[in-house]
Amino acid sequence: GGKAKPLKAPKKKAPTEQDDEDQAYNLKKRADEKARKELAAKAGGKGPLNTGAQGIKKSGKK
């Protein structure tokens, strides 16, 4: 219900000043992301890796 809102143009971000610290942080973040992706790709071929999110899986055999 209600009226459809008109689409707003996204606000233009003013070019933010980046000091060396910010730049270093962003660089590190990108490197970490890349390393994580490579690791995931490397581990991808090994089959089901129990990541801990699902706890201990018990097989249904009795």
Protein backbone atom coordinates (compact mmCIF):
# COMPACT_ATOMS: atom_id res chain seq x y z
CA GLY A 1 0.00 0.00 0.00
CA GLY A 2 0.86 3.64 0.05
CA LYS A 3 2.31 5.81 -2.63
CA ALA A 4 5.35 4.64 -4.56
CA LYS A 5 8.30 6.80 -3.60
CA PRO A 6 10.07 8.56 -6.45
CA LEU A 7 13.55 7.27 -7.08
CA LYS A 8 16.16 9.54 -5.62
CA ALA A 9 19.47 10.06 -7.33
CA PRO A 10 22.24 8.76 -5.06
CA LYS A 11 24.05 11.53 -3.25
CA LYS A 12 27.40 12.41 -4.74
CA LYS A 13 30.09 11.80 -2.19
CA ALA A 14 32.51 14.63 -1.75
CA PRO A 15 36.02 13.37 -2.42
CA THR A 16 37.14 12.49 1.08
CA GLU A 17 40.58 13.47 2.20
CA GLN A 18 42.67 10.39 2.85
CA ASP A 19 45.74 10.62 4.95
CA ASP A 20 48.48 8.01 4.83
CA GLU A 21 46.93 6.01 7.65
CA ASP A 22 43.63 5.61 5.79
CA GLN A 23 45.44 4.64 2.63
CA ALA A 24 47.54 2.05 4.45
CA TYR A 25 44.41 0.65 6.09
CA ASN A 26 42.58 0.32 2.78
CA LEU A 27 45.60 -1.31 1.18
CA LYS A 28 45.84 -3.83 4.01
CA LYS A 29 42.12 -4.54 3.78
CA ARG A 30 42.39 -5.26 0.06
CA ALA A 31 45.38 -7.54 0.57
CA ASP A 32 43.55 -9.45 3.31
CA GLU A 33 40.51 -9.86 1.09
CA LYS A 34 42.66 -11.17 -1.77
CA ALA A 35 44.44 -13.64 0.50
CA ARG A 36 41.13 -14.87 1.86
CA LYS A 37 39.76 -15.41 -1.64
CA GLU A 38 42.85 -17.35 -2.68
CA LEU A 39 42.63 -19.50 0.43
CA ALA A 40 38.97 -20.23 -0.24
CA ALA A 41 39.75 -21.17 -3.83
CA LYS A 42 42.57 -23.45 -2.70
CA ALA A 43 40.37 -25.19 -0.13
CA GLY A 44 37.49 -25.43 -2.57
CA GLY A 45 38.68 -28.62 -4.24
CA LYS A 46 38.93 -30.67 -1.07
CA GLY A 47 35.27 -31.47 -0.49
CA PRO A 48 33.20 -30.63 2.58
CA LEU A 49 35.36 -28.79 5.05
CA ASN A 50 33.66 -28.61 8.42
CA THR A 51 33.81 -24.90 9.14
CA GLY A 52 32.56 -25.16 12.70
CA ALA A 53 29.38 -23.23 12.02
CA GLN A 54 27.32 -26.39 11.89
CA GLY A 55 28.84 -28.06 14.95
CA ILE A 56 29.58 -31.77 14.99
CA LYS A 57 27.69 -33.63 12.31
CA LYS A 58 26.66 -37.14 13.28
CA SER A 59 26.14 -39.69 10.57
CA GLY A 60 22.68 -41.20 10.44
CA LYS A 61 23.96 -44.78 10.82
CA LYS A 62 22.94 -46.78 13.86
